[in-house]
Protein backbone atom coordinates (compact mmCIF):
# COMPACT_ATOMS: atom_id res chain seq x y z
CA MET A 1 -81.20 -1.33 75.11
CA ARG A 2 -81.24 -2.51 71.46
CA THR A 3 -80.63 1.09 70.21
CA LYS A 4 -77.85 1.35 72.63
CA ALA A 5 -76.41 -1.86 71.61
CA LYS A 6 -76.56 -0.71 67.84
CA TRP A 7 -74.87 2.37 68.72
CA ILE A 8 -71.97 0.52 70.67
CA TYR A 9 -71.54 -1.84 67.69
CA GLY A 10 -71.39 1.07 65.24
CA LEU A 11 -68.88 2.83 67.17
CA ILE A 12 -66.56 -0.38 67.41
CA THR A 13 -66.99 -1.18 63.60
CA VAL A 14 -65.80 2.54 62.92
CA LEU A 15 -62.89 2.18 65.29
CA LEU A 16 -62.12 -1.01 63.71
CA VAL A 17 -62.08 0.39 60.27
CA GLY A 18 -59.97 3.25 61.33
CA LEU A 19 -57.48 0.95 62.91
CA LEU A 20 -57.02 -1.00 59.94
CA ALA A 21 -56.77 1.85 57.54
CA ALA A 22 -54.02 3.10 59.89
CA CYS A 23 -52.14 -0.14 59.78
CA GLY A 24 -52.38 -0.17 56.05
CA ALA A 25 -51.11 3.25 55.70
CA GLU A 26 -48.32 2.44 57.96
CA GLU A 27 -47.49 -0.70 55.95
CA SER A 28 -47.64 1.15 52.74
CA SER A 29 -45.28 3.89 54.39
CA SER A 30 -42.90 1.26 55.46
CA LYS A 31 -42.81 -0.52 51.99
CA SER A 32 -42.16 3.02 50.58
CA SER A 33 -39.24 3.70 52.98
CA ASP A 34 -37.85 0.20 52.37
CA ALA A 35 -37.46 0.87 48.65
CA LYS A 36 -34.33 2.93 49.01
CA GLU A 37 -32.74 3.95 45.80
CA THR A 38 -29.31 2.16 45.38
CA VAL A 39 -26.42 3.31 43.13
CA VAL A 40 -24.39 1.34 40.70
CA LYS A 41 -21.09 2.84 39.99
CA ILE A 42 -19.74 2.59 36.34
CA GLY A 43 -16.10 3.23 35.30
CA TYR A 44 -15.44 4.37 31.52
CA GLN A 45 -12.61 5.43 29.52
CA LYS A 46 -13.43 8.17 26.58
CA GLY A 47 -13.85 6.57 23.21
CA ASN A 48 -14.99 3.31 23.90
CA THR A 49 -18.76 1.46 24.06
CA LEU A 50 -19.38 2.37 27.71
CA ASN A 51 -18.75 6.12 26.56
CA ILE A 52 -21.40 5.68 23.76
CA LEU A 53 -23.84 4.19 26.20
CA LYS A 54 -23.35 7.09 28.59
CA ALA A 55 -23.85 9.61 25.97
CA ARG A 56 -27.32 8.00 25.00
CA GLY A 57 -28.61 7.91 28.34
CA THR A 58 -30.72 4.62 28.05
CA LEU A 59 -29.08 2.91 30.84
CA GLU A 60 -30.38 5.54 33.40
CA LYS A 61 -33.90 5.28 32.26
CA ARG A 62 -34.04 1.58 32.34
CA LEU A 63 -32.37 1.41 35.82
CA GLU A 64 -34.54 4.24 37.16
CA LYS A 65 -37.50 1.86 37.07
CA GLU A 66 -35.46 -0.43 39.12
CA ASN A 67 -34.83 2.64 41.59
CA ILE A 68 -31.34 2.27 41.00
CA LYS A 69 -29.05 5.42 39.94
CA VAL A 70 -26.06 5.35 37.81
CA GLU A 71 -22.91 7.15 38.77
CA TRP A 72 -20.23 7.44 35.97
CA SER A 73 -16.53 7.98 36.60
CA GLU A 74 -14.12 8.62 33.85
CA PHE A 75 -10.62 6.85 34.01
CA PRO A 76 -7.53 7.62 31.66
CA ILE A 77 -6.56 4.21 31.11
CA GLY A 78 -7.61 0.50 31.96
CA THR A 79 -5.10 -0.10 34.71
CA ALA A 80 -6.56 2.73 36.70
CA LEU A 81 -10.08 1.65 36.09
CA LEU A 82 -9.35 -1.85 37.27
CA GLU A 83 -7.51 -0.57 40.40
CA GLY A 84 -10.98 1.57 41.05
CA LEU A 85 -12.89 -1.86 40.87
CA ASN A 86 -10.52 -3.37 43.16
CA THR A 87 -10.76 -0.75 45.90
CA GLY A 88 -14.39 -0.47 45.67
CA ALA A 89 -14.52 3.04 43.96
CA ILE A 90 -16.61 1.43 41.13
CA ASP A 91 -18.74 -1.71 40.50
CA PHE A 92 -18.50 -2.13 36.83
CA GLY A 93 -16.13 -1.18 34.12
CA HIS A 94 -14.23 -1.98 30.88
CA ALA A 95 -10.43 -2.40 30.04
CA SER A 96 -8.41 -4.12 27.27
CA ASP A 97 -7.32 -7.63 27.12
CA ALA A 98 -3.78 -6.52 28.33
CA ASN A 99 -4.97 -4.65 31.15
CA GLY A 100 -7.06 -7.55 32.47
CA VAL A 101 -3.95 -9.78 32.45
CA PHE A 102 -1.74 -7.44 34.32
CA SER A 103 -4.48 -6.68 36.75
CA GLN A 104 -4.64 -10.24 37.65
CA ALA A 105 -0.83 -10.87 37.60
CA SER A 106 -0.70 -8.19 40.27
CA GLY A 107 -3.10 -10.20 42.51
CA LYS A 108 -6.27 -8.30 41.92
CA THR A 109 -9.53 -10.38 41.50
CA SER A 110 -11.89 -8.49 39.14
CA VAL A 111 -14.40 -10.87 37.42
CA TYR A 112 -14.72 -11.09 33.76
CA VAL A 113 -18.48 -10.81 32.85
CA ALA A 114 -18.45 -10.19 29.18
CA SER A 115 -16.67 -9.04 26.12
CA ASP A 116 -16.75 -6.91 23.14
CA THR A 117 -16.48 -8.39 19.62
CA PRO A 118 -12.91 -9.16 18.62
CA TYR A 119 -11.46 -5.91 17.00
CA PRO A 120 -8.16 -7.44 15.20
CA LYS A 121 -8.03 -4.58 12.44
CA GLY A 122 -7.67 -2.05 15.31
CA VAL A 123 -4.22 -2.81 15.98
CA ALA A 124 -1.46 -2.63 13.63
CA LEU A 125 2.17 -2.19 12.88
CA VAL A 126 2.85 0.73 10.54
CA VAL A 127 5.62 2.33 8.65
CA LYS A 128 5.98 5.61 6.65
CA ASP A 129 5.11 5.23 2.91
CA ASN A 130 8.73 5.61 1.91
CA SER A 131 10.12 2.79 4.22
CA PRO A 132 12.26 0.21 2.79
CA ILE A 133 10.45 -2.03 5.14
CA LYS A 134 7.79 -4.34 3.23
CA THR A 135 7.25 -7.49 5.32
CA VAL A 136 7.69 -8.34 9.03
CA LYS A 137 10.92 -10.40 8.27
CA ASP A 138 12.37 -6.84 7.29
CA PHE A 139 11.81 -5.89 11.03
CA LYS A 140 15.00 -7.44 11.89
CA GLY A 141 17.36 -5.24 13.56
CA LYS A 142 14.90 -2.17 13.22
CA LYS A 143 13.50 -0.10 16.00
CA ILE A 144 9.92 -0.96 16.83
CA GLY A 145 7.92 1.48 18.96
CA VAL A 146 5.21 0.02 21.07
CA THR A 147 3.75 0.51 24.66
CA LYS A 148 5.17 -2.22 26.92
CA GLY A 149 2.80 -4.95 27.82
CA GLY A 150 0.03 -3.37 25.32
CA ASN A 151 -1.86 -4.92 22.48
CA MET A 152 0.46 -3.82 19.92
CA HIS A 153 3.50 -5.40 21.85
CA TYR A 154 1.39 -8.60 21.80
CA LEU A 155 0.91 -8.34 18.07
CA LEU A 156 4.55 -7.54 17.26
CA VAL A 157 5.66 -10.78 19.25
CA LYS A 158 3.01 -13.00 17.29
CA ALA A 159 3.81 -11.27 14.13
CA LEU A 160 7.74 -11.94 14.78
CA GLU A 161 6.73 -15.60 15.86
CA LYS A 162 4.84 -16.29 12.55
CA GLU A 163 7.90 -15.53 10.57
CA GLY A 164 10.43 -17.47 12.60
CA LEU A 165 11.74 -14.54 14.61
CA SER A 166 11.63 -13.40 18.15
CA ILE A 167 11.67 -9.89 20.28
CA ASP A 168 15.52 -10.50 20.31
CA ASP A 169 15.71 -9.89 16.74
CA VAL A 170 14.50 -6.42 16.76
CA LYS A 171 15.34 -3.42 19.04
CA PRO A 172 11.89 -2.44 20.85
CA ILE A 173 11.34 1.00 22.01
CA TYR A 174 8.82 1.27 24.60
CA TYR A 175 6.84 4.73 24.52
CA LYS A 176 4.36 5.57 27.26
CA ASP A 177 1.16 6.76 25.20
CA ALA A 178 0.08 7.38 21.70
CA ALA A 179 1.09 10.94 21.71
CA GLU A 180 4.71 10.04 22.59
CA GLY A 181 4.89 7.29 19.94
CA ARG A 182 3.50 9.33 17.18
CA VAL A 183 6.43 11.92 17.86
CA ALA A 184 8.90 9.46 18.04
CA PHE A 185 7.58 7.91 14.65
CA GLU A 186 7.34 11.12 12.89
CA SER A 187 10.60 12.31 14.03
CA GLY A 188 12.42 9.04 12.78
CA GLU A 189 13.28 8.01 16.05
CA ILE A 190 11.88 4.46 15.51
CA ASP A 191 11.33 2.79 12.28
CA VAL A 192 7.97 1.08 12.95
CA ILE A 193 5.05 2.16 15.10
CA GLY A 194 2.51 -0.28 16.74
CA THR A 195 -0.66 1.71 17.40
CA TRP A 196 -4.38 1.25 17.92
CA ASP A 197 -7.70 2.77 17.04
CA PRO A 198 -8.55 5.43 17.07
CA PHE A 199 -5.02 6.78 17.28
CA LEU A 200 -4.12 4.35 14.31
CA ALA A 201 -7.01 6.06 12.15
CA VAL A 202 -5.77 9.40 13.10
CA LEU A 203 -2.38 8.60 12.09
CA GLU A 204 -3.41 7.26 8.78
CA SER A 205 -5.41 10.40 8.08
CA SER A 206 -2.40 12.59 8.77
CA THR A 207 0.70 10.91 7.67
CA SER A 208 1.50 8.73 4.46
CA THR A 209 1.73 5.50 6.12
CA ARG A 210 1.76 1.63 4.98
CA THR A 211 0.24 -0.92 7.56
CA ILE A 212 2.76 -4.19 7.48
CA VAL A 213 0.52 -6.16 9.49
CA ASN A 214 -2.52 -6.01 11.65
CA GLY A 215 -4.16 -8.19 14.23
CA GLU A 216 -6.08 -10.58 11.81
CA ASN A 217 -5.23 -14.14 12.55
CA LEU A 218 -2.59 -12.86 15.21
CA THR A 219 -4.70 -11.26 18.00
CA GLN A 220 -8.28 -10.74 18.87
CA ASN A 221 -7.79 -7.28 20.26
CA ARG A 222 -10.63 -7.29 22.71
CA THR A 223 -12.11 -5.31 25.25
CA PHE A 224 -13.56 -6.95 28.30
CA TYR A 225 -16.05 -5.91 30.86
CA PHE A 226 -15.25 -6.39 34.56
CA VAL A 227 -17.11 -6.15 37.87
CA SER A 228 -15.78 -6.46 41.56
CA GLU A 229 -16.15 -9.86 43.33
CA LYS A 230 -18.53 -8.21 45.70
CA PHE A 231 -20.82 -6.93 43.02
CA VAL A 232 -20.80 -9.92 40.93
CA ASN A 233 -22.00 -12.06 43.86
CA ASN A 234 -24.82 -9.63 45.07
CA ASN A 235 -26.19 -8.07 41.70
CA PRO A 236 -26.43 -10.47 38.95
CA ASN A 237 -29.78 -8.78 37.73
CA THR A 238 -28.07 -5.46 37.76
CA ILE A 239 -25.39 -6.74 35.55
CA LYS A 240 -27.92 -8.41 33.45
CA ILE A 241 -29.60 -4.99 32.61
CA ILE A 242 -26.24 -3.25 31.88
CA LEU A 243 -25.31 -5.71 29.52
CA ASP A 244 -28.81 -5.79 27.69
CA GLU A 245 -28.47 -1.96 27.34
CA LEU A 246 -24.95 -2.16 26.25
CA GLN A 247 -25.82 -4.55 23.52
CA LYS A 248 -28.78 -2.39 22.32
CA SER A 249 -26.32 0.49 22.24
CA ASP A 250 -23.71 -1.53 20.21
CA GLU A 251 -26.46 -2.41 17.82
CA TRP A 252 -27.48 0.98 17.34
CA ALA A 253 -23.81 1.95 16.85
CA ASN A 254 -23.40 -0.37 14.17
CA THR A 255 -26.01 1.29 11.98
CA HIS A 256 -25.21 4.94 13.15
CA THR A 257 -21.28 5.33 12.57
CA LYS A 258 -21.42 9.04 11.94
CA GLU A 259 -23.45 9.62 14.98
CA VAL A 260 -20.93 7.55 16.89
CA ALA A 261 -18.18 9.35 15.55
CA THR A 262 -19.68 12.63 16.47
CA ILE A 263 -20.17 11.61 20.22
CA LEU A 264 -16.52 10.40 20.32
CA SER A 265 -15.01 13.31 18.55
CA LYS A 266 -16.50 15.63 21.35
CA GLU A 267 -15.21 13.13 23.90
CA LEU A 268 -11.70 12.76 22.54
CA LYS A 269 -11.41 15.97 20.97
CA LEU A 270 -10.38 14.53 17.77
CA ASP A 271 -11.65 15.03 14.17
CA ALA A 272 -14.84 12.81 13.59
CA LYS A 273 -13.57 11.61 10.19
CA PRO A 274 -10.97 9.23 11.20
CA LEU A 275 -13.21 8.03 13.92
CA GLU A 276 -15.63 6.91 11.25
CA VAL A 277 -12.78 5.13 9.69
CA ALA A 278 -12.04 3.26 12.86
CA ASN A 279 -15.61 2.42 13.60
CA GLY A 280 -16.12 1.23 9.96
CA ARG A 281 -13.47 -1.63 10.48
CA ARG A 282 -15.03 -2.97 13.60
CA GLU A 283 -18.21 -4.62 14.88
CA PHE A 284 -19.91 -3.26 18.14
CA GLY A 285 -21.35 -6.21 20.14
CA VAL A 286 -21.47 -7.74 23.45
CA LEU A 287 -20.35 -11.48 23.82
CA SER A 288 -20.28 -13.97 26.68
CA ILE A 289 -17.10 -15.07 28.25
CA ASP A 290 -16.74 -18.45 26.27
CA GLU A 291 -14.05 -20.80 25.79
CA GLU A 292 -12.49 -19.08 22.90
CA ALA A 293 -12.52 -15.79 24.81
CA VAL A 294 -10.70 -17.55 27.84
CA LYS A 295 -8.17 -19.41 25.53
CA ALA A 296 -7.29 -16.13 23.73
CA GLN A 297 -6.78 -14.31 27.17
CA GLN A 298 -4.74 -17.21 28.31
CA ASN A 299 -2.47 -17.02 25.39
CA LEU A 300 -1.84 -13.55 25.88
CA ALA A 301 -1.08 -13.94 29.60
CA ASP A 302 1.37 -16.91 28.90
CA THR A 303 3.21 -14.76 26.11
CA PHE A 304 3.71 -11.95 28.50
CA TYR A 305 4.74 -14.30 31.36
CA ASP A 306 7.25 -15.80 28.89
CA LEU A 307 8.50 -12.29 28.22
CA LYS A 308 9.17 -11.88 32.02
CA LEU A 309 6.48 -8.97 32.19
CA PHE A 310 5.38 -10.49 35.51
CA PRO A 311 6.82 -13.02 37.73
CA GLU A 312 4.29 -15.82 38.13
CA PRO A 313 1.83 -17.46 35.46
CA ILE A 314 -1.61 -16.87 35.86
CA ASP A 315 -5.03 -18.88 35.25
CA ILE A 316 -7.68 -16.83 33.52
CA LYS A 317 -10.43 -19.27 34.40
CA LYS A 318 -9.76 -18.19 38.19
CA VAL A 319 -11.51 -14.79 37.62
CA THR A 320 -14.49 -16.06 35.26
CA LYS A 321 -17.65 -17.71 36.34
CA LYS A 322 -18.88 -20.76 34.72
CA ASN A 323 -22.63 -20.77 33.58
CA PRO A 324 -23.20 -17.32 35.13
CA ASP A 325 -26.94 -16.13 35.38
CA TRP A 326 -26.28 -12.48 34.39
CA TYR A 327 -26.52 -12.89 30.46
CA PRO A 328 -29.50 -11.15 28.79
CA GLU A 329 -31.50 -12.71 25.93
CA SER A 330 -30.04 -9.99 23.69
CA VAL A 331 -26.34 -11.47 24.34
CA VAL A 332 -25.43 -14.59 22.26
CA ILE A 333 -24.20 -17.24 24.67
CA LYS A 334 -21.89 -19.84 23.16
């Protein structure tokens, strides 16, 4: 009997061990299936910091450890990118200060999560070298080419205000893109062109020009990073990782001007030399959305509202978050 009991006990033990092993395998399988790969969709424009980050491939490697796949979407202009955010086509992207203002003015609610370092030397009002125009005061009565609602349009207004003039004292000519503006400038259709890097640097490299004024002490000329409302509420850690890798990429860009110019030259199909010049007059870096950034953006919004470029005033603070939890240690928080 004792032998039989031992046999039965041994059989029960074996069955229990097998059952526990099976449960463990099932639990492990369940955990594996639960860890499904997610996707973060990032929009970028050629020639900007996200373009550099994409080319380096470091973000994909970092997010792969979190079981997150990156999908990149290229957009021709910032307004299209912000529309992509608002329709859910992308989760994260970048656009200019003016693009952000007009998007909000049209009722969109993309959230500001960070900004690039200000780049005031990257926008300027330029004349041909043989032009009689010497100062902003000489703009009076002249034809000034800018893109309507662009960063150079804002610069023009601020430069005129500083000299006691207004937009009514000049003849603004609105061009749709950099190529059209350059043709108008070189053909003599306009006396002054408002332009921005890298197209400013390209123009300087190919045509004898003089800069009458750039953005220093007039406009910060920032690029901002935006996310959709849905994404910002559900994915603060993913935003933190993106900003951290972006800052690391920017630090690399600051010490590798030639390599950055080569990357962007291929993307933009432009000569690398003027791109080196453009990169040399800026500092790459990610900044938090602090009071200074909000104030500068609000001033831009108020200026365009005063010009009747949109019907109602907007409040930039409504699309920012106070004390957010998505800034990594690498980004300085003011």
